[in-house]
Amino acid sequence: MSMFKLIAVTDQASCPENFWTQLQLLAASEIDALIFRAKELPPQEYYRQASQVQKICRTHQLPLILHTYQDICRRLDTYGLQVSYQQLLCQPQLRAQVQCLGVSIHHADEAVRAADLGADYLLAGHIFATSCKQGLPGRGLDFLSAVCAATSLQVYAIGGITPTNIGQIKKTGAAGACLMSSLMTCPEPAVLVQKLRQALL
C-alpha cells in the first residue's frame, strides 16, 4: 500500500444499473482498500452481495472492509469492519470481534473516545460539501486537523474530495482519503485514481 491511502466506499444508489461493472473497474484501479457500504440492504442480502464483493476483491488482492454487520465480517473473515461512532458506543465489544475496526466520527472528542474503545482507524467527515450530504456545509480542514491532532490513530478524510483539494487533506496529517460518489459515477475510476495520486506528488 502507498503511504497516503485512497479508499473507495461503495454507493449502489448512485449507479444502480451498473454497480457490479463499476465495482470491477474500482477493484482493478489503484485504490488501497474498499468499504462495502449498502445501508439499504437487509442482512441476508448484504451477506449475499458481500460474498460476491469479496470474490472480486480477492482477485485483485484488495482489502475488503464491511460496514455495520460484525457477524457477517466474522463469517466471511474480511479484513475489517467500519461502524458508526454510535454503534461503537452501543457495542464496545466490537474490537475483540474483528481484525481491524474503523469508526466514523464527526467531532474531535469522538476521536479520543473511539480510540479508547479500541478503534484501529478513524473516518472523519464530511470535510467538503458533497452531493451525498446535500445542503450541509463541510466541516472543513480545521476540523480534520483537530481530529488528527487529537489522536495517534490513522485518520481518513471523506466528503467532497477531488484532485484539486486532496493535497490540502494530506497537509492536515490525515493518513488518506475516502471517496464514494465520485468513484462510483465516473466512467473510468482508474483515471480518477491516477489523477488523485498525481495531485499528491
Foldseek 3Di string as FASTA:
>chain_A
DDQAFEEEEEDCVLPVPCQVVLLLLVLPAPHQAYEDDDVPDDPVVLLVVVVVSVVSNVVSVHAYEYEDDLVSCQVVVGQYYEYELVVCVVCLVSLVRHNAYEYEDEALVSLVVVVVSPHQAYEYWAAAADPVDPPDGTPHLVRLLSNVVSDVHAYEYEHPDALVCVCSVVVSVHRYYYYYSVSSPDPRNNVRVVSNVVSND
